[in-house]
């Protein structure tokens, strides 16, 4: 078989990188999990094709695709109305961060009205159309830096962008120390990860993830961590 399109998530694509595959597909479709730019670049170099980072939901299918020139995920469905709401369910201003909420979609058997996805981003409008910027799953979480100030988990995601890693978890313990968990295949990048996070947290601990399954990516024991 020589498929033109190969779909998977960052974990399965990381495994694909280890195989002696010579076939060059027309494109790779990454779904289900966040794809870091470093991993996308490594896949594009290895397979010589574009890698499309698709934001999709089981309830409505593909919602948006990442476009580097647009600076985020460009909306795909003209029948799907996407809003960004605050905690009280009110629409936020253009460019302000909140929960992604959808209405409509192409599935007439599942009519959704202001369905809250549990994912977070800001929505901007520009020459590329509506764009979701800073897309991240689950509620925002804050981390306390070594100087006592706070940053959001999206800042950690941005810091780790250069790494070609498929799966990671960041946990801040009650004393403020930070543990970064990496999949076994990503451990050779541990030193670089330490360097990237040092401006925020100083020295961190890097541990090996024991399970290659989805994890809660950002967690904290600090009481004031909820953004």
N, C-alpha and C. Protein backbone atom coordinates (compact mmCIF):
# COMPACT_ATOMS: atom_id res chain seq x y z
N UNK A 1 0.83 -1.19 0.00
CA UNK A 1 0.00 0.00 0.00
C UNK A 1 0.87 1.25 0.00
N UNK A 2 0.40 2.27 -0.73
CA UNK A 2 1.12 3.54 -0.79
C UNK A 2 0.11 4.67 -0.66
N UNK A 3 -0.40 4.90 0.54
CA UNK A 3 -1.43 5.93 0.73
C UNK A 3 -0.91 7.33 0.46
N UNK A 4 -1.75 8.16 -0.17
CA UNK A 4 -1.35 9.54 -0.41
C UNK A 4 -1.44 10.37 0.86
N UNK A 5 -2.40 10.04 1.72
CA UNK A 5 -2.58 10.75 2.98
C UNK A 5 -2.43 9.78 4.14
N UNK A 6 -1.69 10.17 5.15
CA UNK A 6 -1.54 9.36 6.36
C UNK A 6 -2.01 10.21 7.54
N UNK A 7 -3.00 9.70 8.27
CA UNK A 7 -3.53 10.41 9.43
C UNK A 7 -3.06 9.74 10.71
N UNK A 8 -2.83 10.53 11.73
CA UNK A 8 -2.41 9.99 13.02
C UNK A 8 -2.30 11.11 14.03
N UNK A 9 -1.78 10.80 15.19
CA UNK A 9 -1.51 11.83 16.19
C UNK A 9 0.00 11.93 16.40
N UNK A 10 0.48 12.92 17.15
CA UNK A 10 1.92 13.07 17.32
C UNK A 10 2.62 11.84 17.88
N UNK A 11 1.92 11.05 18.71
CA UNK A 11 2.54 9.85 19.26
C UNK A 11 2.77 8.81 18.17
N UNK A 12 1.75 8.56 17.34
CA UNK A 12 1.91 7.57 16.28
C UNK A 12 2.92 8.04 15.24
N UNK A 13 2.96 9.36 14.97
CA UNK A 13 3.94 9.87 14.01
C UNK A 13 5.36 9.77 14.56
N UNK A 14 5.53 9.94 15.87
CA UNK A 14 6.85 9.77 16.47
C UNK A 14 7.34 8.34 16.27
N UNK A 15 6.43 7.38 16.37
CA UNK A 15 6.79 5.98 16.13
C UNK A 15 7.10 5.76 14.65
N UNK A 16 6.35 6.42 13.77
CA UNK A 16 6.58 6.29 12.33
C UNK A 16 7.99 6.75 11.96
N UNK A 17 8.50 7.73 12.68
CA UNK A 17 9.85 8.23 12.41
C UNK A 17 10.92 7.17 12.65
N UNK A 18 10.61 6.18 13.47
CA UNK A 18 11.60 5.14 13.79
C UNK A 18 11.60 4.00 12.78
N UNK A 19 10.62 3.98 11.86
CA UNK A 19 10.49 2.87 10.92
C UNK A 19 11.23 3.18 9.62
N UNK A 20 11.74 2.14 8.93
CA UNK A 20 12.46 2.34 7.67
C UNK A 20 11.50 2.55 6.49
N UNK A 21 10.65 3.54 6.58
CA UNK A 21 9.63 3.80 5.57
C UNK A 21 10.21 4.66 4.46
N UNK A 22 10.06 4.21 3.22
CA UNK A 22 10.58 4.95 2.07
C UNK A 22 9.49 5.66 1.28
N UNK A 23 8.24 5.28 1.50
CA UNK A 23 7.13 5.91 0.79
C UNK A 23 7.00 7.38 1.16
N UNK A 24 6.73 8.21 0.17
CA UNK A 24 6.55 9.64 0.39
C UNK A 24 5.08 10.00 0.16
N UNK A 25 4.30 10.17 1.21
CA UNK A 25 2.89 10.54 1.04
C UNK A 25 2.76 11.99 0.57
N UNK A 26 1.56 12.33 0.11
CA UNK A 26 1.31 13.71 -0.31
C UNK A 26 1.21 14.64 0.90
N UNK A 27 0.72 14.10 2.02
CA UNK A 27 0.59 14.92 3.23
C UNK A 27 0.36 14.01 4.43
N UNK A 28 0.71 14.52 5.60
CA UNK A 28 0.38 13.88 6.87
C UNK A 28 -0.68 14.73 7.56
N UNK A 29 -1.69 14.08 8.12
CA UNK A 29 -2.75 14.78 8.85
C UNK A 29 -2.62 14.46 10.33
N UNK A 30 -2.27 15.43 11.13
CA UNK A 30 -2.11 15.24 12.57
C UNK A 30 -3.38 15.71 13.28
N UNK A 31 -3.99 14.82 14.05
CA UNK A 31 -5.23 15.14 14.74
C UNK A 31 -5.12 14.70 16.20
N UNK A 32 -6.13 15.04 16.98
CA UNK A 32 -6.35 14.52 18.32
C UNK A 32 -5.52 15.19 19.41
N UNK A 33 -4.27 15.56 19.12
CA UNK A 33 -3.38 16.11 20.13
C UNK A 33 -2.62 17.30 19.57
N UNK A 34 -2.10 18.13 20.48
CA UNK A 34 -1.30 19.28 20.07
C UNK A 34 -0.02 18.83 19.39
N UNK A 35 0.32 19.45 18.26
CA UNK A 35 1.54 19.16 17.52
C UNK A 35 2.49 20.34 17.66
N UNK A 36 3.64 20.11 18.29
CA UNK A 36 4.62 21.18 18.45
C UNK A 36 5.31 21.47 17.11
N UNK A 37 5.66 22.73 16.85
CA UNK A 37 6.34 23.07 15.60
C UNK A 37 7.61 22.27 15.36
N UNK A 38 8.36 21.96 16.42
CA UNK A 38 9.58 21.18 16.25
C UNK A 38 9.31 19.80 15.70
N UNK A 39 8.25 19.15 16.18
CA UNK A 39 7.87 17.84 15.66
C UNK A 39 7.36 17.94 14.23
N UNK A 40 6.58 18.99 13.94
CA UNK A 40 6.08 19.17 12.58
C UNK A 40 7.24 19.33 11.59
N UNK A 41 8.24 20.13 11.96
CA UNK A 41 9.39 20.34 11.09
C UNK A 41 10.16 19.04 10.86
N UNK A 42 10.30 18.24 11.90
CA UNK A 42 11.01 16.97 11.76
C UNK A 42 10.26 16.02 10.84
N UNK A 43 8.94 15.98 10.95
CA UNK A 43 8.13 15.11 10.08
C UNK A 43 8.21 15.58 8.63
N UNK A 44 8.14 16.88 8.42
CA UNK A 44 8.20 17.41 7.05
C UNK A 44 9.55 17.10 6.41
N UNK A 45 10.61 17.20 7.19
CA UNK A 45 11.95 16.90 6.66
C UNK A 45 12.09 15.41 6.35
N UNK A 46 11.57 14.56 7.22
CA UNK A 46 11.71 13.11 7.05
C UNK A 46 10.90 12.58 5.88
N UNK A 47 9.67 13.07 5.70
CA UNK A 47 8.78 12.51 4.69
C UNK A 47 8.61 13.40 3.46
N UNK A 48 9.20 14.58 3.48
CA UNK A 48 9.18 15.44 2.30
C UNK A 48 7.80 15.87 1.87
N UNK A 49 6.92 16.13 2.84
CA UNK A 49 5.55 16.53 2.51
C UNK A 49 5.03 17.45 3.60
N UNK A 50 3.98 18.21 3.31
CA UNK A 50 3.40 19.07 4.36
C UNK A 50 2.73 18.25 5.45
N UNK A 51 2.75 18.77 6.66
CA UNK A 51 2.07 18.15 7.80
C UNK A 51 0.97 19.11 8.24
N UNK A 52 -0.28 18.67 8.11
CA UNK A 52 -1.42 19.51 8.46
C UNK A 52 -1.85 19.22 9.89
N UNK A 53 -1.77 20.24 10.73
CA UNK A 53 -2.18 20.12 12.13
C UNK A 53 -3.66 20.50 12.22
N UNK A 54 -4.52 19.49 12.35
CA UNK A 54 -5.97 19.69 12.32
C UNK A 54 -6.52 19.74 13.74
N UNK A 55 -7.28 20.79 14.03
CA UNK A 55 -8.04 20.84 15.29
C UNK A 55 -9.43 20.32 14.98
N UNK A 56 -9.79 19.20 15.59
CA UNK A 56 -11.07 18.57 15.29
C UNK A 56 -11.75 18.11 16.58
N UNK A 57 -13.05 17.88 16.48
CA UNK A 57 -13.86 17.39 17.58
C UNK A 57 -14.70 16.22 17.09
N UNK A 58 -14.90 15.23 17.93
CA UNK A 58 -15.76 14.11 17.55
C UNK A 58 -17.16 14.59 17.18
N UNK A 59 -17.62 15.64 17.85
CA UNK A 59 -19.00 16.09 17.65
C UNK A 59 -19.21 16.83 16.33
N UNK A 60 -18.18 17.50 15.83
CA UNK A 60 -18.37 18.34 14.64
C UNK A 60 -17.33 18.09 13.55
N UNK A 61 -16.37 17.21 13.78
CA UNK A 61 -15.35 16.96 12.78
C UNK A 61 -14.28 18.04 12.78
N UNK A 62 -13.61 18.25 11.64
CA UNK A 62 -12.52 19.23 11.58
C UNK A 62 -13.03 20.65 11.79
N UNK A 63 -12.37 21.37 12.67
CA UNK A 63 -12.76 22.75 12.98
C UNK A 63 -11.81 23.74 12.32
N UNK A 64 -10.50 23.48 12.41
CA UNK A 64 -9.52 24.44 11.91
C UNK A 64 -8.22 23.71 11.59
N UNK A 65 -7.39 24.34 10.76
CA UNK A 65 -6.08 23.80 10.41
C UNK A 65 -5.03 24.87 10.64
N UNK A 66 -3.86 24.44 11.14
CA UNK A 66 -2.81 25.41 11.45
C UNK A 66 -2.20 25.98 10.18
N UNK A 67 -2.06 27.30 10.15
CA UNK A 67 -1.43 28.01 9.04
C UNK A 67 -0.40 28.96 9.64
N UNK A 68 0.87 28.70 9.36
CA UNK A 68 1.94 29.49 9.96
C UNK A 68 1.84 30.96 9.59
N UNK A 69 1.50 31.25 8.33
CA UNK A 69 1.39 32.64 7.90
C UNK A 69 0.25 33.35 8.61
N UNK A 70 -0.82 32.62 8.91
CA UNK A 70 -1.96 33.22 9.61
C UNK A 70 -1.70 33.37 11.10
N UNK A 71 -0.71 32.63 11.62
CA UNK A 71 -0.37 32.73 13.03
C UNK A 71 -1.26 31.92 13.94
N UNK A 72 -1.95 30.93 13.39
CA UNK A 72 -2.82 30.10 14.21
C UNK A 72 -3.60 29.12 13.36
N UNK A 73 -4.71 28.64 13.89
CA UNK A 73 -5.55 27.65 13.21
C UNK A 73 -6.69 28.37 12.49
N UNK A 74 -6.70 28.26 11.16
CA UNK A 74 -7.72 28.90 10.33
C UNK A 74 -8.98 28.04 10.32
N UNK A 75 -10.14 28.66 10.56
CA UNK A 75 -11.39 27.92 10.59
C UNK A 75 -11.71 27.33 9.22
N UNK A 76 -12.32 26.13 9.23
CA UNK A 76 -12.54 25.38 8.00
C UNK A 76 -14.01 25.32 7.57
N UNK A 77 -14.93 25.25 8.51
CA UNK A 77 -16.33 24.99 8.16
C UNK A 77 -17.15 26.28 8.12
N UNK A 78 -17.72 26.58 6.97
CA UNK A 78 -18.53 27.80 6.88
C UNK A 78 -19.88 27.64 7.58
N UNK A 79 -20.28 26.40 7.88
CA UNK A 79 -21.55 26.18 8.57
C UNK A 79 -21.37 26.04 10.09
N UNK A 80 -20.16 26.17 10.55
CA UNK A 80 -19.88 26.06 11.99
C UNK A 80 -19.55 27.44 12.54
N UNK A 81 -20.37 27.91 13.45
CA UNK A 81 -20.16 29.22 14.06
C UNK A 81 -19.32 29.04 15.32
N UNK A 82 -18.18 29.70 15.35
CA UNK A 82 -17.23 29.56 16.46
C UNK A 82 -17.19 30.86 17.25
N UNK A 83 -17.36 30.75 18.56
CA UNK A 83 -17.27 31.89 19.46
C UNK A 83 -16.24 31.60 20.55
N UNK A 84 -15.78 32.66 21.19
CA UNK A 84 -14.94 32.54 22.37
C UNK A 84 -15.71 33.16 23.54
N UNK A 85 -15.96 32.35 24.58
CA UNK A 85 -16.75 32.80 25.72
C UNK A 85 -15.90 32.82 26.99
N UNK A 86 -16.30 33.68 27.93
CA UNK A 86 -15.63 33.70 29.23
C UNK A 86 -16.29 32.69 30.16
N UNK A 87 -15.89 32.68 31.42
CA UNK A 87 -16.39 31.68 32.36
C UNK A 87 -17.90 31.80 32.59
N UNK A 88 -18.44 33.00 32.41
CA UNK A 88 -19.87 33.22 32.62
C UNK A 88 -20.69 33.00 31.35
N UNK A 89 -20.04 32.56 30.28
CA UNK A 89 -20.75 32.31 29.04
C UNK A 89 -20.97 33.53 28.18
N UNK A 90 -20.21 34.60 28.42
CA UNK A 90 -20.36 35.82 27.64
C UNK A 90 -19.27 35.90 26.58
N UNK A 91 -19.61 36.38 25.36
CA UNK A 91 -18.59 36.53 24.32
C UNK A 91 -17.52 37.53 24.74
N UNK A 92 -16.27 37.20 24.44
CA UNK A 92 -15.16 38.10 24.77
C UNK A 92 -14.82 38.95 23.56
N UNK A 93 -14.01 39.96 23.77
CA UNK A 93 -13.59 40.83 22.67
C UNK A 93 -12.67 40.09 21.71
N UNK A 94 -12.61 40.57 20.49
CA UNK A 94 -11.75 39.98 19.47
C UNK A 94 -10.30 39.97 19.97
N UNK A 95 -9.66 38.79 19.92
CA UNK A 95 -8.28 38.67 20.37
C UNK A 95 -8.12 38.33 21.83
N UNK A 96 -9.24 38.28 22.58
CA UNK A 96 -9.17 37.94 24.00
C UNK A 96 -9.35 36.43 24.18
N UNK A 97 -8.63 35.89 25.13
CA UNK A 97 -8.62 34.44 25.33
C UNK A 97 -9.85 33.97 26.11
N UNK A 98 -10.36 32.78 25.73
CA UNK A 98 -11.50 32.19 26.41
C UNK A 98 -11.76 30.80 25.89
N UNK A 99 -12.93 30.25 26.21
CA UNK A 99 -13.25 28.88 25.81
C UNK A 99 -13.88 28.84 24.42
N UNK A 100 -13.40 27.93 23.59
CA UNK A 100 -13.93 27.76 22.24
C UNK A 100 -15.32 27.14 22.33
N UNK A 101 -16.29 27.78 21.70
CA UNK A 101 -17.69 27.36 21.74
C UNK A 101 -18.23 27.30 20.31
N UNK A 102 -18.95 26.24 19.98
CA UNK A 102 -19.38 26.05 18.59
C UNK A 102 -20.90 25.90 18.51
N UNK A 103 -21.44 26.35 17.37
CA UNK A 103 -22.86 26.21 17.06
C UNK A 103 -22.99 25.74 15.62
N UNK A 104 -23.87 24.75 15.39
CA UNK A 104 -24.11 24.29 14.02
C UNK A 104 -23.17 23.17 13.63
N UNK A 105 -22.62 23.25 12.40
CA UNK A 105 -21.79 22.19 11.87
C UNK A 105 -22.51 21.41 10.79
N UNK A 106 -21.78 20.51 10.13
CA UNK A 106 -22.38 19.77 9.02
C UNK A 106 -23.16 18.54 9.45
N UNK A 107 -23.12 18.16 10.72
CA UNK A 107 -23.83 16.98 11.20
C UNK A 107 -25.25 17.37 11.61
N UNK A 108 -26.21 17.20 10.68
CA UNK A 108 -27.58 17.61 10.96
C UNK A 108 -28.25 16.72 12.01
N UNK A 109 -27.64 15.57 12.30
CA UNK A 109 -28.18 14.68 13.33
C UNK A 109 -27.77 15.12 14.74
N UNK A 110 -26.86 16.06 14.82
CA UNK A 110 -26.39 16.53 16.13
C UNK A 110 -26.35 18.06 16.12
N UNK A 111 -27.52 18.70 16.20
CA UNK A 111 -27.55 20.17 16.18
C UNK A 111 -27.03 20.75 17.49
N UNK A 112 -25.91 21.41 17.42
CA UNK A 112 -25.28 21.97 18.62
C UNK A 112 -25.53 23.47 18.71
N UNK A 113 -25.82 23.94 19.92
CA UNK A 113 -26.02 25.36 20.17
C UNK A 113 -25.11 25.77 21.33
N UNK A 114 -24.14 26.59 21.02
CA UNK A 114 -23.16 27.05 22.01
C UNK A 114 -22.59 25.88 22.83
N UNK A 115 -22.07 24.93 22.11
CA UNK A 115 -21.44 23.76 22.73
C UNK A 115 -20.04 24.14 23.17
N UNK A 116 -19.79 24.04 24.47
CA UNK A 116 -18.49 24.43 25.03
C UNK A 116 -17.54 23.25 24.91
N UNK A 117 -16.41 23.48 24.23
CA UNK A 117 -15.51 22.39 23.86
C UNK A 117 -14.55 21.99 24.97
N UNK A 118 -14.29 22.90 25.93
CA UNK A 118 -13.26 22.64 26.92
C UNK A 118 -11.87 23.00 26.45
N UNK A 119 -11.76 23.53 25.22
CA UNK A 119 -10.49 23.99 24.68
C UNK A 119 -10.47 25.52 24.69
N UNK A 120 -9.26 26.08 24.70
CA UNK A 120 -9.12 27.53 24.88
C UNK A 120 -8.23 28.14 23.79
N UNK A 121 -8.60 29.36 23.39
CA UNK A 121 -7.83 30.12 22.40
C UNK A 121 -8.39 31.53 22.36
N UNK A 122 -7.77 32.37 21.55
CA UNK A 122 -8.38 33.65 21.20
C UNK A 122 -8.76 33.58 19.72
N UNK A 123 -9.70 34.42 19.31
CA UNK A 123 -10.16 34.43 17.92
C UNK A 123 -9.89 35.80 17.32
N UNK A 124 -9.15 35.81 16.23
CA UNK A 124 -8.86 37.07 15.54
C UNK A 124 -9.38 37.00 14.12
N UNK A 125 -9.58 38.17 13.52
CA UNK A 125 -10.05 38.25 12.14
C UNK A 125 -9.07 39.09 11.34
N UNK A 126 -8.61 38.55 10.22
CA UNK A 126 -7.64 39.25 9.40
C UNK A 126 -7.73 38.80 7.96
N UNK A 127 -6.68 39.02 7.19
CA UNK A 127 -6.70 38.67 5.76
C UNK A 127 -6.87 37.18 5.50
N UNK A 128 -6.55 36.34 6.49
CA UNK A 128 -6.70 34.90 6.32
C UNK A 128 -8.06 34.41 6.82
N UNK A 129 -8.92 35.33 7.25
CA UNK A 129 -10.21 34.95 7.80
C UNK A 129 -10.12 34.78 9.30
N UNK A 130 -11.12 34.12 9.91
CA UNK A 130 -11.09 33.90 11.35
C UNK A 130 -10.01 32.89 11.72
N UNK A 131 -9.21 33.22 12.74
CA UNK A 131 -8.08 32.38 13.13
C UNK A 131 -8.10 32.17 14.65
N UNK A 132 -7.99 30.91 15.07
CA UNK A 132 -7.83 30.59 16.48
C UNK A 132 -6.34 30.70 16.83
N UNK A 133 -6.01 31.55 17.79
CA UNK A 133 -4.62 31.80 18.16
C UNK A 133 -4.36 31.24 19.55
N UNK A 134 -3.22 30.55 19.70
CA UNK A 134 -2.84 30.02 21.01
C UNK A 134 -3.74 28.90 21.48
N UNK A 135 -4.12 28.02 20.56
CA UNK A 135 -5.02 26.92 20.88
C UNK A 135 -4.41 25.99 21.92
N UNK A 136 -5.19 25.68 22.96
CA UNK A 136 -4.73 24.77 24.01
C UNK A 136 -5.94 24.08 24.62
N UNK A 137 -5.76 22.81 24.97
CA UNK A 137 -6.85 22.05 25.58
C UNK A 137 -6.95 22.30 27.07
N UNK A 138 -8.13 22.06 27.60
CA UNK A 138 -8.44 22.17 29.03
C UNK A 138 -8.34 23.61 29.53
N UNK A 139 -8.75 23.80 30.77
CA UNK A 139 -8.77 25.14 31.36
C UNK A 139 -7.35 25.67 31.51
N UNK A 140 -7.17 26.98 31.35
CA UNK A 140 -5.84 27.56 31.55
C UNK A 140 -5.35 27.33 32.97
N UNK A 141 -4.04 27.12 33.08
CA UNK A 141 -3.43 26.89 34.38
C UNK A 141 -2.25 27.83 34.53
N UNK A 142 -2.05 28.35 35.73
CA UNK A 142 -0.94 29.26 35.97
C UNK A 142 0.20 28.52 36.67
N UNK A 143 1.42 28.99 36.36
CA UNK A 143 2.62 28.46 37.01
C UNK A 143 3.39 29.61 37.64
N UNK A 144 3.88 29.39 38.85
CA UNK A 144 4.64 30.43 39.55
C UNK A 144 6.11 30.33 39.17
N UNK A 145 6.66 31.44 38.71
CA UNK A 145 8.06 31.48 38.31
C UNK A 145 8.96 31.69 39.52
N UNK A 146 10.26 31.58 39.29
CA UNK A 146 11.22 31.71 40.39
C UNK A 146 11.23 33.13 40.97
N UNK A 147 10.75 34.12 40.19
CA UNK A 147 10.71 35.50 40.70
C UNK A 147 9.39 35.81 41.41
N UNK A 148 8.51 34.80 41.53
CA UNK A 148 7.25 34.99 42.22
C UNK A 148 6.10 35.41 41.34
N UNK A 149 6.39 35.79 40.10
CA UNK A 149 5.32 36.16 39.17
C UNK A 149 4.70 34.90 38.56
N UNK A 150 3.57 35.10 37.86
CA UNK A 150 2.84 33.96 37.30
C UNK A 150 2.84 34.02 35.78
N UNK A 151 2.88 32.85 35.16
CA UNK A 151 2.69 32.73 33.72
C UNK A 151 1.62 31.68 33.46
N UNK A 152 1.00 31.73 32.28
CA UNK A 152 0.02 30.73 31.91
C UNK A 152 0.69 29.54 31.23
N UNK A 153 -0.01 28.41 31.22
CA UNK A 153 0.56 27.21 30.60
C UNK A 153 0.87 27.41 29.13
N UNK A 154 0.16 28.31 28.44
CA UNK A 154 0.43 28.54 27.03
C UNK A 154 1.84 29.10 26.83
N UNK A 155 2.36 29.83 27.83
CA UNK A 155 3.73 30.34 27.74
C UNK A 155 4.75 29.21 27.77
N UNK A 156 4.43 28.15 28.52
CA UNK A 156 5.32 26.98 28.56
C UNK A 156 5.28 26.27 27.22
N UNK A 157 4.07 26.15 26.65
CA UNK A 157 3.94 25.54 25.32
C UNK A 157 4.79 26.28 24.31
N UNK A 158 4.73 27.61 24.33
CA UNK A 158 5.51 28.41 23.39
C UNK A 158 7.01 28.19 23.60
N UNK A 159 7.43 28.08 24.85
CA UNK A 159 8.85 27.89 25.14
C UNK A 159 9.36 26.56 24.61
N UNK A 160 8.51 25.54 24.62
CA UNK A 160 8.92 24.20 24.19
C UNK A 160 8.73 23.96 22.69
N UNK A 161 8.28 24.96 21.96
CA UNK A 161 8.00 24.79 20.53
C UNK A 161 9.17 24.22 19.72
N UNK A 162 10.42 24.61 20.01
CA UNK A 162 11.51 24.10 19.17
C UNK A 162 11.74 22.59 19.28
N UNK A 163 11.22 21.96 20.31
CA UNK A 163 11.50 20.54 20.54
C UNK A 163 10.64 19.64 19.65
N UNK A 164 11.24 18.58 19.14
CA UNK A 164 10.51 17.59 18.35
C UNK A 164 10.02 16.49 19.28
N UNK A 165 9.05 16.84 20.11
CA UNK A 165 8.50 15.87 21.06
C UNK A 165 7.02 15.70 20.81
N UNK A 166 6.54 14.47 21.01
CA UNK A 166 5.14 14.16 20.73
C UNK A 166 4.26 14.28 21.97
N UNK A 167 4.83 14.06 23.13
CA UNK A 167 4.03 13.99 24.35
C UNK A 167 4.86 14.48 25.53
N UNK A 168 4.25 15.33 26.35
CA UNK A 168 4.95 15.79 27.55
C UNK A 168 3.93 16.21 28.60
N UNK A 169 4.39 16.30 29.83
CA UNK A 169 3.56 16.79 30.92
C UNK A 169 4.39 17.68 31.82
N UNK A 170 3.78 18.73 32.33
CA UNK A 170 4.48 19.66 33.22
C UNK A 170 3.69 19.76 34.52
N UNK A 171 4.35 19.46 35.63
CA UNK A 171 3.69 19.52 36.94
C UNK A 171 4.49 20.41 37.88
N UNK A 172 3.77 21.32 38.56
CA UNK A 172 4.42 22.16 39.57
C UNK A 172 3.98 21.67 40.95
N UNK A 173 4.96 21.35 41.77
CA UNK A 173 4.67 20.83 43.09
C UNK A 173 4.40 21.96 44.08
N UNK A 174 3.95 21.58 45.25
CA UNK A 174 3.55 22.56 46.24
C UNK A 174 4.64 23.51 46.66
N UNK A 175 5.90 23.08 46.57
CA UNK A 175 7.02 23.95 46.94
C UNK A 175 7.49 24.83 45.78
N UNK A 176 6.80 24.74 44.63
CA UNK A 176 7.16 25.55 43.47
C UNK A 176 8.09 24.87 42.49
N UNK A 177 8.67 23.74 42.86
CA UNK A 177 9.56 23.02 41.93
C UNK A 177 8.74 22.43 40.79
N UNK A 178 9.38 22.28 39.65
CA UNK A 178 8.70 21.85 38.42
C UNK A 178 9.29 20.55 37.92
N UNK A 179 8.39 19.64 37.51
CA UNK A 179 8.79 18.36 36.94
C UNK A 179 8.27 18.31 35.50
N UNK A 180 9.16 18.05 34.57
CA UNK A 180 8.80 17.85 33.17
C UNK A 180 8.88 16.37 32.86
N UNK A 181 7.80 15.81 32.33
CA UNK A 181 7.76 14.40 31.99
C UNK A 181 7.78 14.25 30.47
N UNK A 182 8.73 13.45 29.98
CA UNK A 182 8.90 13.22 28.56
C UNK A 182 8.77 11.74 28.24
N UNK A 183 8.28 11.45 27.03
CA UNK A 183 8.24 10.08 26.56
C UNK A 183 9.67 9.56 26.42
N UNK A 184 9.87 8.24 26.54
CA UNK A 184 11.24 7.69 26.48
C UNK A 184 12.02 8.14 25.25
N UNK A 185 11.36 8.19 24.09
CA UNK A 185 12.06 8.58 22.87
C UNK A 185 12.47 10.04 22.83
N UNK A 186 11.90 10.85 23.71
CA UNK A 186 12.22 12.28 23.74
C UNK A 186 13.26 12.63 24.79
N UNK A 187 13.70 11.66 25.58
CA UNK A 187 14.65 11.95 26.65
C UNK A 187 15.98 12.53 26.16
N UNK A 188 16.46 12.21 24.93
CA UNK A 188 17.67 12.88 24.46
C UNK A 188 17.54 14.40 24.36
N UNK A 189 16.31 14.91 24.37
CA UNK A 189 16.10 16.35 24.30
C UNK A 189 15.90 16.97 25.69
N UNK A 190 16.13 16.18 26.73
CA UNK A 190 15.88 16.65 28.10
C UNK A 190 16.72 17.87 28.45
N UNK A 191 18.00 17.86 28.08
CA UNK A 191 18.87 18.99 28.43
C UNK A 191 18.41 20.28 27.75
N UNK A 192 17.97 20.16 26.50
CA UNK A 192 17.49 21.35 25.81
C UNK A 192 16.20 21.85 26.44
N UNK A 193 15.35 20.92 26.87
CA UNK A 193 14.11 21.30 27.54
C UNK A 193 14.41 22.05 28.83
N UNK A 194 15.41 21.56 29.58
CA UNK A 194 15.81 22.26 30.81
C UNK A 194 16.23 23.70 30.51
N UNK A 195 17.00 23.85 29.43
CA UNK A 195 17.49 25.18 29.06
C UNK A 195 16.33 26.10 28.68
N UNK A 196 15.35 25.57 27.96
CA UNK A 196 14.22 26.39 27.51
C UNK A 196 13.34 26.84 28.67
N UNK A 197 13.23 26.01 29.70
CA UNK A 197 12.36 26.35 30.83
C UNK A 197 13.10 27.04 31.98
N UNK A 198 14.43 27.05 31.92
CA UNK A 198 15.22 27.65 33.01
C UNK A 198 14.88 29.12 33.27
N UNK A 199 14.61 29.96 32.24
CA UNK A 199 14.26 31.35 32.54
C UNK A 199 13.01 31.50 33.40
N UNK A 200 12.12 30.52 33.33
CA UNK A 200 10.89 30.57 34.13
C UNK A 200 11.10 30.00 35.53
N UNK A 201 11.73 28.82 35.58
CA UNK A 201 11.71 28.03 36.82
C UNK A 201 13.09 27.69 37.39
N UNK A 202 14.16 28.13 36.73
CA UNK A 202 15.47 27.70 37.17
C UNK A 202 15.66 26.22 36.86
N UNK A 203 16.32 25.50 37.75
CA UNK A 203 16.55 24.07 37.53
C UNK A 203 15.24 23.30 37.68
N UNK A 204 14.98 22.40 36.74
CA UNK A 204 13.79 21.56 36.80
C UNK A 204 14.20 20.10 36.80
N UNK A 205 13.28 19.24 37.18
CA UNK A 205 13.49 17.79 37.13
C UNK A 205 12.83 17.24 35.87
N UNK A 206 13.52 16.36 35.18
CA UNK A 206 12.96 15.71 34.00
C UNK A 206 12.81 14.22 34.28
N UNK A 207 11.60 13.72 34.12
CA UNK A 207 11.32 12.31 34.35
C UNK A 207 10.80 11.66 33.07
N UNK A 208 10.86 10.33 33.04
CA UNK A 208 10.38 9.58 31.88
C UNK A 208 8.93 9.18 32.08
N UNK A 209 8.11 9.46 31.08
CA UNK A 209 6.72 9.00 31.10
C UNK A 209 6.70 7.49 30.96
N UNK A 210 5.92 6.84 31.79
CA UNK A 210 5.86 5.38 31.75
C UNK A 210 4.79 4.86 30.80
N UNK A 211 3.80 5.69 30.47
CA UNK A 211 2.71 5.25 29.59
C UNK A 211 2.66 6.14 28.36
N UNK A 212 2.47 5.53 27.19
CA UNK A 212 2.40 6.26 25.94
C UNK A 212 0.94 6.61 25.61
N UNK A 213 0.19 6.99 26.61
CA UNK A 213 -1.21 7.33 26.42
C UNK A 213 -1.38 8.82 26.67
N UNK A 214 -2.60 9.31 26.42
CA UNK A 214 -2.86 10.71 26.72
C UNK A 214 -2.70 10.96 28.22
N UNK A 215 -2.16 12.11 28.54
CA UNK A 215 -2.03 12.50 29.94
C UNK A 215 -2.61 13.90 30.09
N UNK A 216 -2.86 14.29 31.34
CA UNK A 216 -3.21 15.68 31.59
C UNK A 216 -1.92 16.47 31.48
N UNK A 217 -1.83 17.31 30.47
CA UNK A 217 -0.55 17.90 30.11
C UNK A 217 -0.02 18.88 31.16
N UNK A 218 -0.91 19.68 31.74
CA UNK A 218 -0.48 20.69 32.69
C UNK A 218 -1.21 20.49 34.01
N UNK A 219 -0.45 20.31 35.09
CA UNK A 219 -1.03 20.11 36.42
C UNK A 219 -0.22 20.89 37.44
N UNK A 220 -0.84 21.15 38.59
CA UNK A 220 -0.15 21.91 39.64
C UNK A 220 -0.76 21.59 40.99
N UNK A 221 0.09 21.62 42.01
CA UNK A 221 -0.37 21.45 43.39
C UNK A 221 -0.59 22.80 44.09
N UNK A 222 -0.28 23.90 43.41
CA UNK A 222 -0.42 25.22 44.02
C UNK A 222 -1.88 25.65 44.05
N UNK A 223 -2.30 26.23 45.15
CA UNK A 223 -3.70 26.61 45.32
C UNK A 223 -4.15 27.68 44.35
N UNK A 224 -3.27 28.59 43.97
CA UNK A 224 -3.64 29.71 43.10
C UNK A 224 -3.34 29.43 41.63
N UNK A 225 -3.24 28.17 41.26
CA UNK A 225 -2.82 27.83 39.90
C UNK A 225 -3.91 28.04 38.86
N UNK A 226 -5.17 27.94 39.24
CA UNK A 226 -6.25 28.10 38.26
C UNK A 226 -6.27 29.54 37.76
N UNK A 227 -6.15 29.68 36.42
CA UNK A 227 -6.09 31.03 35.84
C UNK A 227 -7.45 31.71 35.87
